[in-house]
Amino acid sequence: NFMSSRNYSVNEYCVDVVEGVMTVLDEQKIDHPIIITE
């Protein structure tokens, strides 16, 4: 987690993002959105 590095892979990033969105919205029974990253 040094500022010129990262402690995750692209695959891990994508899984964590998708899982994080699902965890909150499934609790409230809200449809899953289209995820955009820039």
PDB file of all heavy atoms in Angstrom:
ATOM      1  N   ASN A   1       0.822  -1.216   0.000  1.00  0.00           N
ATOM      2  CA  ASN A   1       0.000   0.000   0.000  1.00  0.00           C
ATOM      3  C   ASN A   1       0.855   1.264   0.000  1.00  0.00           C
ATOM      4  O   ASN A   1       0.396   2.338   0.373  1.00  0.00           O
ATOM      5  CB  ASN A   1      -0.974   0.016   1.178  1.00  0.00           C
ATOM      6  CG  ASN A   1      -0.271  -0.060   2.522  1.00  0.00           C
ATOM      7  OD1 ASN A   1       0.961  -0.076   2.587  1.00  0.00           O
ATOM      8  ND2 ASN A   1      -1.045  -0.113   3.579  1.00  0.00           N
ATOM      9  N   PHE A   2       2.135   1.141  -0.432  1.00  0.00           N
ATOM     10  CA  PHE A   2       2.977   2.310  -0.674  1.00  0.00           C
ATOM     11  C   PHE A   2       2.365   3.115  -1.815  1.00  0.00           C
ATOM     12  O   PHE A   2       1.737   2.550  -2.716  1.00  0.00           O
ATOM     13  CB  PHE A   2       4.396   1.857  -1.017  1.00  0.00           C
ATOM     14  CG  PHE A   2       5.380   2.967  -1.245  1.00  0.00           C
ATOM     15  CD1 PHE A   2       5.592   3.937  -0.284  1.00  0.00           C
ATOM     16  CD2 PHE A   2       6.103   3.053  -2.425  1.00  0.00           C
ATOM     17  CE1 PHE A   2       6.505   4.970  -0.492  1.00  0.00           C
ATOM     18  CE2 PHE A   2       7.014   4.069  -2.647  1.00  0.00           C
ATOM     19  CZ  PHE A   2       7.211   5.026  -1.674  1.00  0.00           C
ATOM     20  N   MET A   3       2.540   4.438  -1.789  1.00  0.00           N
ATOM     21  CA  MET A   3       1.811   5.298  -2.720  1.00  0.00           C
ATOM     22  C   MET A   3       2.153   5.023  -4.187  1.00  0.00           C
ATOM     23  O   MET A   3       1.393   5.400  -5.078  1.00  0.00           O
ATOM     24  CB  MET A   3       2.050   6.774  -2.397  1.00  0.00           C
ATOM     25  CG  MET A   3       3.473   7.234  -2.524  1.00  0.00           C
ATOM     26  SD  MET A   3       3.620   8.973  -2.051  1.00  0.00           S
ATOM     27  CE  MET A   3       5.376   9.247  -2.323  1.00  0.00           C
ATOM     28  N   SER A   4       3.295   4.392  -4.484  1.00  0.00           N
ATOM     29  CA  SER A   4       3.636   4.069  -5.866  1.00  0.00           C
ATOM     30  C   SER A   4       3.364   2.610  -6.197  1.00  0.00           C
ATOM     31  O   SER A   4       3.923   2.066  -7.147  1.00  0.00           O
ATOM     32  CB  SER A   4       5.114   4.391  -6.135  1.00  0.00           C
ATOM     33  OG  SER A   4       5.330   5.779  -6.116  1.00  0.00           O
ATOM     34  N   SER A   5       2.505   1.981  -5.408  1.00  0.00           N
ATOM     35  CA  SER A   5       2.214   0.574  -5.613  1.00  0.00           C
ATOM     36  C   SER A   5       0.726   0.338  -5.423  1.00  0.00           C
ATOM     37  O   SER A   5      -0.089   1.268  -5.434  1.00  0.00           O
ATOM     38  CB  SER A   5       3.045  -0.275  -4.631  1.00  0.00           C
ATOM     39  OG  SER A   5       2.879  -1.650  -4.876  1.00  0.00           O
ATOM     40  N   ARG A   6       0.333  -0.928  -5.250  1.00  0.00           N
ATOM     41  CA  ARG A   6      -1.033  -1.292  -4.885  1.00  0.00           C
ATOM     42  C   ARG A   6      -0.992  -2.687  -4.271  1.00  0.00           C
ATOM     43  O   ARG A   6      -0.152  -3.515  -4.657  1.00  0.00           O
ATOM     44  CB  ARG A   6      -1.971  -1.274  -6.098  1.00  0.00           C
ATOM     45  CG  ARG A   6      -1.717  -2.384  -7.100  1.00  0.00           C
ATOM     46  CD  ARG A   6      -2.658  -2.319  -8.298  1.00  0.00           C
ATOM     47  NE  ARG A   6      -2.469  -3.479  -9.152  1.00  0.00           N
ATOM     48  CZ  ARG A   6      -2.781  -3.529 -10.439  1.00  0.00           C
ATOM     49  NH1 ARG A   6      -3.310  -2.469 -11.012  1.00  0.00           N
ATOM     50  NH2 ARG A   6      -2.588  -4.630 -11.148  1.00  0.00           N
ATOM     51  N   ASN A   7      -1.873  -2.949  -3.304  1.00  0.00           N
ATOM     52  CA  ASN A   7      -1.865  -4.242  -2.624  1.00  0.00           C
ATOM     53  C   ASN A   7      -2.994  -5.144  -3.102  1.00  0.00           C
ATOM     54  O   ASN A   7      -3.520  -5.971  -2.354  1.00  0.00           O
ATOM     55  CB  ASN A   7      -1.925  -4.055  -1.102  1.00  0.00           C
ATOM     56  CG  ASN A   7      -3.202  -3.366  -0.643  1.00  0.00           C
ATOM     57  OD1 ASN A   7      -4.097  -3.096  -1.446  1.00  0.00           O
ATOM     58  ND2 ASN A   7      -3.288  -3.078   0.647  1.00  0.00           N
ATOM     59  N   TYR A   8      -3.367  -4.988  -4.379  1.00  0.00           N
ATOM     60  CA  TYR A   8      -4.440  -5.794  -4.954  1.00  0.00           C
ATOM     61  C   TYR A   8      -4.212  -5.945  -6.457  1.00  0.00           C
ATOM     62  O   TYR A   8      -3.481  -5.164  -7.077  1.00  0.00           O
ATOM     63  CB  TYR A   8      -5.803  -5.137  -4.696  1.00  0.00           C
ATOM     64  CG  TYR A   8      -5.889  -3.697  -5.196  1.00  0.00           C
ATOM     65  CD1 TYR A   8      -6.331  -3.392  -6.484  1.00  0.00           C
ATOM     66  CD2 TYR A   8      -5.499  -2.630  -4.381  1.00  0.00           C
ATOM     67  CE1 TYR A   8      -6.393  -2.086  -6.930  1.00  0.00           C
ATOM     68  CE2 TYR A   8      -5.564  -1.317  -4.818  1.00  0.00           C
ATOM     69  CZ  TYR A   8      -6.011  -1.050  -6.091  1.00  0.00           C
ATOM     70  OH  TYR A   8      -6.067   0.234  -6.533  1.00  0.00           O
ATOM     71  N   SER A   9      -4.842  -6.945  -7.031  1.00  0.00           N
ATOM     72  CA  SER A   9      -4.796  -7.137  -8.481  1.00  0.00           C
ATOM     73  C   SER A   9      -6.044  -6.529  -9.106  1.00  0.00           C
ATOM     74  O   SER A   9      -6.997  -6.151  -8.403  1.00  0.00           O
ATOM     75  CB  SER A   9      -4.732  -8.626  -8.821  1.00  0.00           C
ATOM     76  OG  SER A   9      -5.948  -9.260  -8.450  1.00  0.00           O
ATOM     77  N   VAL A  10      -6.075  -6.467 -10.426  1.00  0.00           N
ATOM     78  CA  VAL A  10      -7.267  -5.966 -11.117  1.00  0.00           C
ATOM     79  C   VAL A  10      -8.453  -6.882 -10.830  1.00  0.00           C
ATOM     80  O   VAL A  10      -9.578  -6.417 -10.595  1.00  0.00           O
ATOM     81  CB  VAL A  10      -7.011  -5.853 -12.633  1.00  0.00           C
ATOM     82  CG1 VAL A  10      -8.300  -5.500 -13.384  1.00  0.00           C
ATOM     83  CG2 VAL A  10      -5.947  -4.799 -12.916  1.00  0.00           C
ATOM     84  N   ASN A  11      -8.215  -8.188 -10.826  1.00  0.00           N
ATOM     85  CA  ASN A  11      -9.294  -9.129 -10.537  1.00  0.00           C
ATOM     86  C   ASN A  11      -9.856  -8.913  -9.133  1.00  0.00           C
ATOM     87  O   ASN A  11     -11.079  -8.917  -8.925  1.00  0.00           O
ATOM     88  CB  ASN A  11      -8.798 -10.567 -10.676  1.00  0.00           C
ATOM     89  CG  ASN A  11      -8.569 -10.954 -12.124  1.00  0.00           C
ATOM     90  OD1 ASN A  11      -9.266 -10.470 -13.016  1.00  0.00           O
ATOM     91  ND2 ASN A  11      -7.603 -11.816 -12.374  1.00  0.00           N
ATOM     92  N   GLU A  12      -8.962  -8.718  -8.156  1.00  0.00           N
ATOM     93  CA  GLU A  12      -9.409  -8.484  -6.777  1.00  0.00           C
ATOM     94  C   GLU A  12     -10.192  -7.175  -6.680  1.00  0.00           C
ATOM     95  O   GLU A  12     -11.199  -7.095  -5.957  1.00  0.00           O
ATOM     96  CB  GLU A  12      -8.208  -8.464  -5.831  1.00  0.00           C
ATOM     97  CG  GLU A  12      -7.560  -9.830  -5.647  1.00  0.00           C
ATOM     98  CD  GLU A  12      -6.208  -9.747  -4.965  1.00  0.00           C
ATOM     99  OE1 GLU A  12      -5.557  -8.683  -5.046  1.00  0.00           O
ATOM    100  OE2 GLU A  12      -5.802 -10.763  -4.375  1.00  0.00           O
ATOM    101  N   TYR A  13      -9.752  -6.174  -7.372  1.00  0.00           N
ATOM    102  CA  TYR A  13     -10.456  -4.894  -7.393  1.00  0.00           C
ATOM    103  C   TYR A  13     -11.886  -5.079  -7.892  1.00  0.00           C
ATOM    104  O   TYR A  13     -12.850  -4.606  -7.260  1.00  0.00           O
ATOM    105  CB  TYR A  13      -9.690  -3.925  -8.289  1.00  0.00           C
ATOM    106  CG  TYR A  13     -10.408  -2.634  -8.634  1.00  0.00           C
ATOM    107  CD1 TYR A  13     -10.413  -1.554  -7.759  1.00  0.00           C
ATOM    108  CD2 TYR A  13     -11.071  -2.496  -9.852  1.00  0.00           C
ATOM    109  CE1 TYR A  13     -11.060  -0.372  -8.081  1.00  0.00           C
ATOM    110  CE2 TYR A  13     -11.724  -1.320 -10.186  1.00  0.00           C
ATOM    111  CZ  TYR A  13     -11.712  -0.263  -9.302  1.00  0.00           C
ATOM    112  OH  TYR A  13     -12.363   0.907  -9.627  1.00  0.00           O
ATOM    113  N   CYS A  14     -12.038  -5.774  -8.999  1.00  0.00           N
ATOM    114  CA  CYS A  14     -13.369  -5.950  -9.590  1.00  0.00           C
ATOM    115  C   CYS A  14     -14.286  -6.756  -8.671  1.00  0.00           C
ATOM    116  O   CYS A  14     -15.464  -6.413  -8.490  1.00  0.00           O
ATOM    117  CB  CYS A  14     -13.242  -6.641 -10.951  1.00  0.00           C
ATOM    118  SG  CYS A  14     -12.341  -5.652 -12.186  1.00  0.00           S
ATOM    119  N   VAL A  15     -13.778  -7.826  -8.087  1.00  0.00           N
ATOM    120  CA  VAL A  15     -14.580  -8.646  -7.173  1.00  0.00           C
ATOM    121  C   VAL A  15     -15.019  -7.831  -5.967  1.00  0.00           C
ATOM    122  O   VAL A  15     -16.183  -7.875  -5.558  1.00  0.00           O
ATOM    123  CB  VAL A  15     -13.785  -9.892  -6.729  1.00  0.00           C
ATOM    124  CG1 VAL A  15     -14.486 -10.593  -5.568  1.00  0.00           C
ATOM    125  CG2 VAL A  15     -13.616 -10.854  -7.897  1.00  0.00           C
ATOM    126  N   ASP A  16     -14.100  -7.068  -5.391  1.00  0.00           N
ATOM    127  CA  ASP A  16     -14.436  -6.282  -4.197  1.00  0.00           C
ATOM    128  C   ASP A  16     -15.463  -5.207  -4.504  1.00  0.00           C
ATOM    129  O   ASP A  16     -16.351  -4.925  -3.683  1.00  0.00           O
ATOM    130  CB  ASP A  16     -13.168  -5.655  -3.615  1.00  0.00           C
ATOM    131  CG  ASP A  16     -12.360  -6.649  -2.804  1.00  0.00           C
ATOM    132  OD1 ASP A  16     -12.672  -7.850  -2.866  1.00  0.00           O
ATOM    133  OD2 ASP A  16     -11.412  -6.229  -2.112  1.00  0.00           O
ATOM    134  N   VAL A  17     -15.363  -4.581  -5.681  1.00  0.00           N
ATOM    135  CA  VAL A  17     -16.331  -3.549  -6.061  1.00  0.00           C
ATOM    136  C   VAL A  17     -17.718  -4.169  -6.235  1.00  0.00           C
ATOM    137  O   VAL A  17     -18.718  -3.682  -5.667  1.00  0.00           O
ATOM    138  CB  VAL A  17     -15.888  -2.848  -7.361  1.00  0.00           C
ATOM    139  CG1 VAL A  17     -17.048  -2.066  -7.979  1.00  0.00           C
ATOM    140  CG2 VAL A  17     -14.723  -1.910  -7.095  1.00  0.00           C
ATOM    141  N   VAL A  18     -17.799  -5.232  -7.013  1.00  0.00           N
ATOM    142  CA  VAL A  18     -19.091  -5.864  -7.284  1.00  0.00           C
ATOM    143  C   VAL A  18     -19.711  -6.402  -5.993  1.00  0.00           C
ATOM    144  O   VAL A  18     -20.909  -6.195  -5.715  1.00  0.00           O
ATOM    145  CB  VAL A  18     -18.927  -6.995  -8.322  1.00  0.00           C
ATOM    146  CG1 VAL A  18     -20.226  -7.781  -8.475  1.00  0.00           C
ATOM    147  CG2 VAL A  18     -18.499  -6.424  -9.669  1.00  0.00           C
ATOM    148  N   GLU A  19     -18.909  -7.061  -5.188  1.00  0.00           N
ATOM    149  CA  GLU A  19     -19.403  -7.616  -3.932  1.00  0.00           C
ATOM    150  C   GLU A  19     -19.855  -6.508  -2.981  1.00  0.00           C
ATOM    151  O   GLU A  19     -20.870  -6.635  -2.286  1.00  0.00           O
ATOM    152  CB  GLU A  19     -18.304  -8.460  -3.284  1.00  0.00           C
ATOM    153  CG  GLU A  19     -18.781  -9.318  -2.128  1.00  0.00           C
ATOM    154  CD  GLU A  19     -17.700 -10.266  -1.671  1.00  0.00           C
ATOM    155  OE1 GLU A  19     -16.546  -9.790  -1.465  1.00  0.00           O
ATOM    156  OE2 GLU A  19     -17.969 -11.463  -1.524  1.00  0.00           O
ATOM    157  N   GLY A  20     -19.106  -5.407  -2.949  1.00  0.00           N
ATOM    158  CA  GLY A  20     -19.469  -4.297  -2.078  1.00  0.00           C
ATOM    159  C   GLY A  20     -20.798  -3.681  -2.451  1.00  0.00           C
ATOM    160  O   GLY A  20     -21.608  -3.325  -1.571  1.00  0.00           O
ATOM    161  N   VAL A  21     -21.065  -3.523  -3.745  1.00  0.00           N
ATOM    162  CA  VAL A  21     -22.340  -2.969  -4.196  1.00  0.00           C
ATOM    163  C   VAL A  21     -23.487  -3.929  -3.855  1.00  0.00           C
ATOM    164  O   VAL A  21     -24.536  -3.526  -3.327  1.00  0.00           O
ATOM    165  CB  VAL A  21     -22.302  -2.682  -5.707  1.00  0.00           C
ATOM    166  CG1 VAL A  21     -23.681  -2.250  -6.210  1.00  0.00           C
ATOM    167  CG2 VAL A  21     -21.262  -1.615  -6.027  1.00  0.00           C
ATOM    168  N   MET A  22     -23.291  -5.209  -4.123  1.00  0.00           N
ATOM    169  CA  MET A  22     -24.333  -6.205  -3.853  1.00  0.00           C
ATOM    170  C   MET A  22     -24.695  -6.281  -2.374  1.00  0.00           C
ATOM    171  O   MET A  22     -25.869  -6.388  -2.015  1.00  0.00           O
ATOM    172  CB  MET A  22     -23.857  -7.583  -4.305  1.00  0.00           C
ATOM    173  CG  MET A  22     -23.775  -7.770  -5.792  1.00  0.00           C
ATOM    174  SD  MET A  22     -23.164  -9.428  -6.212  1.00  0.00           S
ATOM    175  CE  MET A  22     -24.446 -10.470  -5.537  1.00  0.00           C
ATOM    176  N   THR A  23     -23.670  -6.230  -1.516  1.00  0.00           N
ATOM    177  CA  THR A  23     -23.895  -6.404  -0.083  1.00  0.00           C
ATOM    178  C   THR A  23     -24.886  -5.388   0.452  1.00  0.00           C
ATOM    179  O   THR A  23     -25.798  -5.721   1.225  1.00  0.00           O
ATOM    180  CB  THR A  23     -22.559  -6.292   0.681  1.00  0.00           C
ATOM    181  OG1 THR A  23     -21.667  -7.317   0.228  1.00  0.00           O
ATOM    182  CG2 THR A  23     -22.772  -6.428   2.175  1.00  0.00           C
ATOM    183  N   VAL A  24     -24.752  -4.139   0.033  1.00  0.00           N
ATOM    184  CA  VAL A  24     -25.642  -3.079   0.512  1.00  0.00           C
ATOM    185  C   VAL A  24     -27.015  -3.171  -0.144  1.00  0.00           C
ATOM    186  O   VAL A  24     -28.055  -3.105   0.535  1.00  0.00           O
ATOM    187  CB  VAL A  24     -25.015  -1.695   0.250  1.00  0.00           C
ATOM    188  CG1 VAL A  24     -25.991  -0.580   0.592  1.00  0.00           C
ATOM    189  CG2 VAL A  24     -23.727  -1.537   1.042  1.00  0.00           C
ATOM    190  N   LEU A  25     -27.056  -3.342  -1.462  1.00  0.00           N
ATOM    191  CA  LEU A  25     -28.334  -3.271  -2.171  1.00  0.00           C
ATOM    192  C   LEU A  25     -29.202  -4.501  -1.942  1.00  0.00           C
ATOM    193  O   LEU A  25     -30.445  -4.399  -1.949  1.00  0.00           O
ATOM    194  CB  LEU A  25     -28.095  -3.050  -3.663  1.00  0.00           C
ATOM    195  CG  LEU A  25     -27.404  -1.722  -4.027  1.00  0.00           C
ATOM    196  CD1 LEU A  25     -27.339  -1.542  -5.527  1.00  0.00           C
ATOM    197  CD2 LEU A  25     -28.122  -0.539  -3.381  1.00  0.00           C
ATOM    198  N   ASP A  26     -28.592  -5.659  -1.762  1.00  0.00           N
ATOM    199  CA  ASP A  26     -29.386  -6.862  -1.501  1.00  0.00           C
ATOM    200  C   ASP A  26     -30.110  -6.769  -0.165  1.00  0.00           C
ATOM    201  O   ASP A  26     -31.222  -7.297  -0.001  1.00  0.00           O
ATOM    202  CB  ASP A  26     -28.500  -8.110  -1.535  1.00  0.00           C
ATOM    203  CG  ASP A  26     -28.107  -8.508  -2.956  1.00  0.00           C
ATOM    204  OD1 ASP A  26     -28.689  -7.928  -3.897  1.00  0.00           O
ATOM    205  OD2 ASP A  26     -27.235  -9.372  -3.127  1.00  0.00           O
ATOM    206  N   GLU A  27     -29.478  -6.092   0.810  1.00  0.00           N
ATOM    207  CA  GLU A  27     -30.134  -5.903   2.107  1.00  0.00           C
ATOM    208  C   GLU A  27     -31.454  -5.153   1.941  1.00  0.00           C
ATOM    209  O   GLU A  27     -32.437  -5.414   2.641  1.00  0.00           O
ATOM    210  CB  GLU A  27     -29.242  -5.088   3.051  1.00  0.00           C
ATOM    211  CG  GLU A  27     -28.001  -5.791   3.541  1.00  0.00           C
ATOM    212  CD  GLU A  27     -27.136  -4.857   4.370  1.00  0.00           C
ATOM    213  OE1 GLU A  27     -27.552  -3.681   4.574  1.00  0.00           O
ATOM    214  OE2 GLU A  27     -26.053  -5.280   4.812  1.00  0.00           O
ATOM    215  N   GLN A  28     -31.467  -4.211   0.976  1.00  0.00           N
ATOM    216  CA  GLN A  28     -32.630  -3.341   0.808  1.00  0.00           C
ATOM    217  C   GLN A  28     -33.475  -3.726  -0.401  1.00  0.00           C
ATOM    218  O   GLN A  28     -34.391  -2.999  -0.780  1.00  0.00           O
ATOM    219  CB  GLN A  28     -32.165  -1.889   0.699  1.00  0.00           C
ATOM    220  CG  GLN A  28     -31.344  -1.444   1.909  1.00  0.00           C
ATOM    221  CD  GLN A  28     -30.974   0.026   1.844  1.00  0.00           C
ATOM    222  OE1 GLN A  28     -31.813   0.862   1.490  1.00  0.00           O
ATOM    223  NE2 GLN A  28     -29.739   0.352   2.193  1.00  0.00           N
ATOM    224  N   LYS A  29     -33.124  -4.888  -1.006  1.00  0.00           N
ATOM    225  CA  LYS A  29     -33.878  -5.407  -2.152  1.00  0.00           C
ATOM    226  C   LYS A  29     -34.005  -4.370  -3.274  1.00  0.00           C
ATOM    227  O   LYS A  29     -35.080  -4.120  -3.823  1.00  0.00           O
ATOM    228  CB  LYS A  29     -35.256  -5.888  -1.703  1.00  0.00           C
ATOM    229  CG  LYS A  29     -35.209  -7.068  -0.738  1.00  0.00           C
ATOM    230  CD  LYS A  29     -36.593  -7.531  -0.355  1.00  0.00           C
ATOM    231  CE  LYS A  29     -36.533  -8.811   0.461  1.00  0.00           C
ATOM    232  NZ  LYS A  29     -35.668  -8.748   1.650  1.00  0.00           N
ATOM    233  N   ILE A  30     -32.860  -3.758  -3.592  1.00  0.00           N
ATOM    234  CA  ILE A  30     -32.785  -2.759  -4.661  1.00  0.00           C
ATOM    235  C   ILE A  30     -32.076  -3.377  -5.858  1.00  0.00           C
ATOM    236  O   ILE A  30     -31.076  -4.102  -5.711  1.00  0.00           O
ATOM    237  CB  ILE A  30     -32.042  -1.501  -4.176  1.00  0.00           C
ATOM    238  CG1 ILE A  30     -32.869  -0.796  -3.086  1.00  0.00           C
ATOM    239  CG2 ILE A  30     -31.758  -0.547  -5.331  1.00  0.00           C
ATOM    240  CD1 ILE A  30     -32.160   0.386  -2.450  1.00  0.00           C
ATOM    241  N   ASP A  31     -32.574  -3.095  -7.056  1.00  0.00           N
ATOM    242  CA  ASP A  31     -31.961  -3.635  -8.277  1.00  0.00           C
ATOM    243  C   ASP A  31     -30.500  -3.212  -8.375  1.00  0.00           C
ATOM    244  O   ASP A  31     -30.135  -2.084  -7.996  1.00  0.00           O
ATOM    245  CB  ASP A  31     -32.712  -3.131  -9.510  1.00  0.00           C
ATOM    246  CG  ASP A  31     -34.100  -3.751  -9.634  1.00  0.00           C
ATOM    247  OD1 ASP A  31     -34.346  -4.797  -8.995  1.00  0.00           O
ATOM    248  OD2 ASP A  31     -34.941  -3.159 -10.345  1.00  0.00           O
ATOM    249  N   HIS A  32     -29.697  -4.102  -8.902  1.00  0.00           N
ATOM    250  CA  HIS A  32     -28.277  -3.808  -9.062  1.00  0.00           C
ATOM    251  C   HIS A  32     -28.073  -2.826 -10.221  1.00  0.00           C
ATOM    252  O   HIS A  32     -28.622  -3.029 -11.311  1.00  0.00           O
ATOM    253  CB  HIS A  32     -27.494  -5.083  -9.338  1.00  0.00           C
ATOM    254  CG  HIS A  32     -27.549  -6.067  -8.207  1.00  0.00           C
ATOM    255  ND1 HIS A  32     -27.165  -7.390  -8.348  1.00  0.00           N
ATOM    256  CD2 HIS A  32     -27.938  -5.926  -6.908  1.00  0.00           C
ATOM    257  CE1 HIS A  32     -27.310  -8.011  -7.182  1.00  0.00           C
ATOM    258  NE2 HIS A  32     -27.783  -7.139  -6.304  1.00  0.00           N
ATOM    259  N   PRO A  33     -27.260  -1.795 -10.026  1.00  0.00           N
ATOM    260  CA  PRO A  33     -27.053  -0.802 -11.088  1.00  0.00           C
ATOM    261  C   PRO A  33     -25.985  -1.247 -12.090  1.00  0.00           C
ATOM    262  O   PRO A  33     -25.266  -2.228 -11.878  1.00  0.00           O
ATOM    263  CB  PRO A  33     -26.580   0.419 -10.311  1.00  0.00           C
ATOM    264  CG  PRO A  33     -25.816  -0.164  -9.155  1.00  0.00           C
ATOM    265  CD  PRO A  33     -26.570  -1.422  -8.773  1.00  0.00           C
ATOM    266  N   ILE A  34     -25.882  -0.474 -13.151  1.00  0.00           N
ATOM    267  CA  ILE A  34     -24.730  -0.579 -14.054  1.00  0.00           C
ATOM    268  C   ILE A  34     -23.558   0.100 -13.359  1.00  0.00           C
ATOM    269  O   ILE A  34     -23.634   1.280 -13.014  1.00  0.00           O
ATOM    270  CB  ILE A  34     -25.017   0.105 -15.401  1.00  0.00           C
ATOM    271  CG1 ILE A  34     -26.194  -0.574 -16.107  1.00  0.00           C
ATOM    272  CG2 ILE A  34     -23.765   0.099 -16.288  1.00  0.00           C
ATOM    273  CD1 ILE A  34     -26.707   0.190 -17.326  1.00  0.00           C
ATOM    274  N   ILE A  35     -22.505  -0.646 -13.113  1.00  0.00           N
ATOM    275  CA  ILE A  35     -21.309  -0.086 -12.480  1.00  0.00           C
ATOM    276  C   ILE A  35     -20.444   0.563 -13.546  1.00  0.00           C
ATOM    277  O   ILE A  35     -20.162  -0.036 -14.595  1.00  0.00           O
ATOM    278  CB  ILE A  35     -20.511  -1.181 -11.741  1.00  0.00           C
ATOM    279  CG1 ILE A  35     -21.336  -1.742 -10.572  1.00  0.00           C
ATOM    280  CG2 ILE A  35     -19.180  -0.634 -11.228  1.00  0.00           C
ATOM    281  CD1 ILE A  35     -20.694  -2.952  -9.906  1.00  0.00           C
ATOM    282  N   ILE A  36     -20.038   1.782 -13.287  1.00  0.00           N
ATOM    283  CA  ILE A  36     -19.104   2.497 -14.171  1.00  0.00           C
ATOM    284  C   ILE A  36     -17.835   2.785 -13.385  1.00  0.00           C
ATOM    285  O   ILE A  36     -17.893   3.170 -12.212  1.00  0.00           O
ATOM    286  CB  ILE A  36     -19.703   3.829 -14.659  1.00  0.00           C
ATOM    287  CG1 ILE A  36     -20.956   3.585 -15.501  1.00  0.00           C
ATOM    288  CG2 ILE A  36     -18.681   4.638 -15.462  1.00  0.00           C
ATOM    289  CD1 ILE A  36     -21.707   4.867 -15.872  1.00  0.00           C
ATOM    290  N   THR A  37     -16.684   2.572 -13.986  1.00  0.00           N
ATOM    291  CA  THR A  37     -15.444   3.092 -13.419  1.00  0.00           C
ATOM    292  C   THR A  37     -14.760   3.958 -14.470  1.00  0.00           C
ATOM    293  O   THR A  37     -14.846   3.683 -15.674  1.00  0.00           O
ATOM    294  CB  THR A  37     -14.469   1.983 -12.960  1.00  0.00           C
ATOM    295  OG1 THR A  37     -14.008   1.246 -14.099  1.00  0.00           O
ATOM    296  CG2 THR A  37     -15.117   1.055 -11.968  1.00  0.00           C
ATOM    297  N   GLU A  38     -14.088   4.984 -13.998  1.00  0.00           N
ATOM    298  CA  GLU A  38     -13.358   5.894 -14.878  1.00  0.00           C
ATOM    299  C   GLU A  38     -11.864   5.616 -14.750  1.00  0.00           C
ATOM    300  O   GLU A  38     -11.059   6.496 -14.447  1.00  0.00           O
ATOM    301  CB  GLU A  38     -13.698   7.341 -14.526  1.00  0.00           C
ATOM    302  CG  GLU A  38     -15.181   7.669 -14.700  1.00  0.00           C
ATOM    303  CD  GLU A  38     -15.543   9.065 -14.222  1.00  0.00           C
ATOM    304  OE1 GLU A  38     -14.621   9.850 -13.900  1.00  0.00           O
ATOM    305  OE2 GLU A  38     -16.748   9.364 -14.154  1.00  0.00           O
TER     306      GLU A  38
END
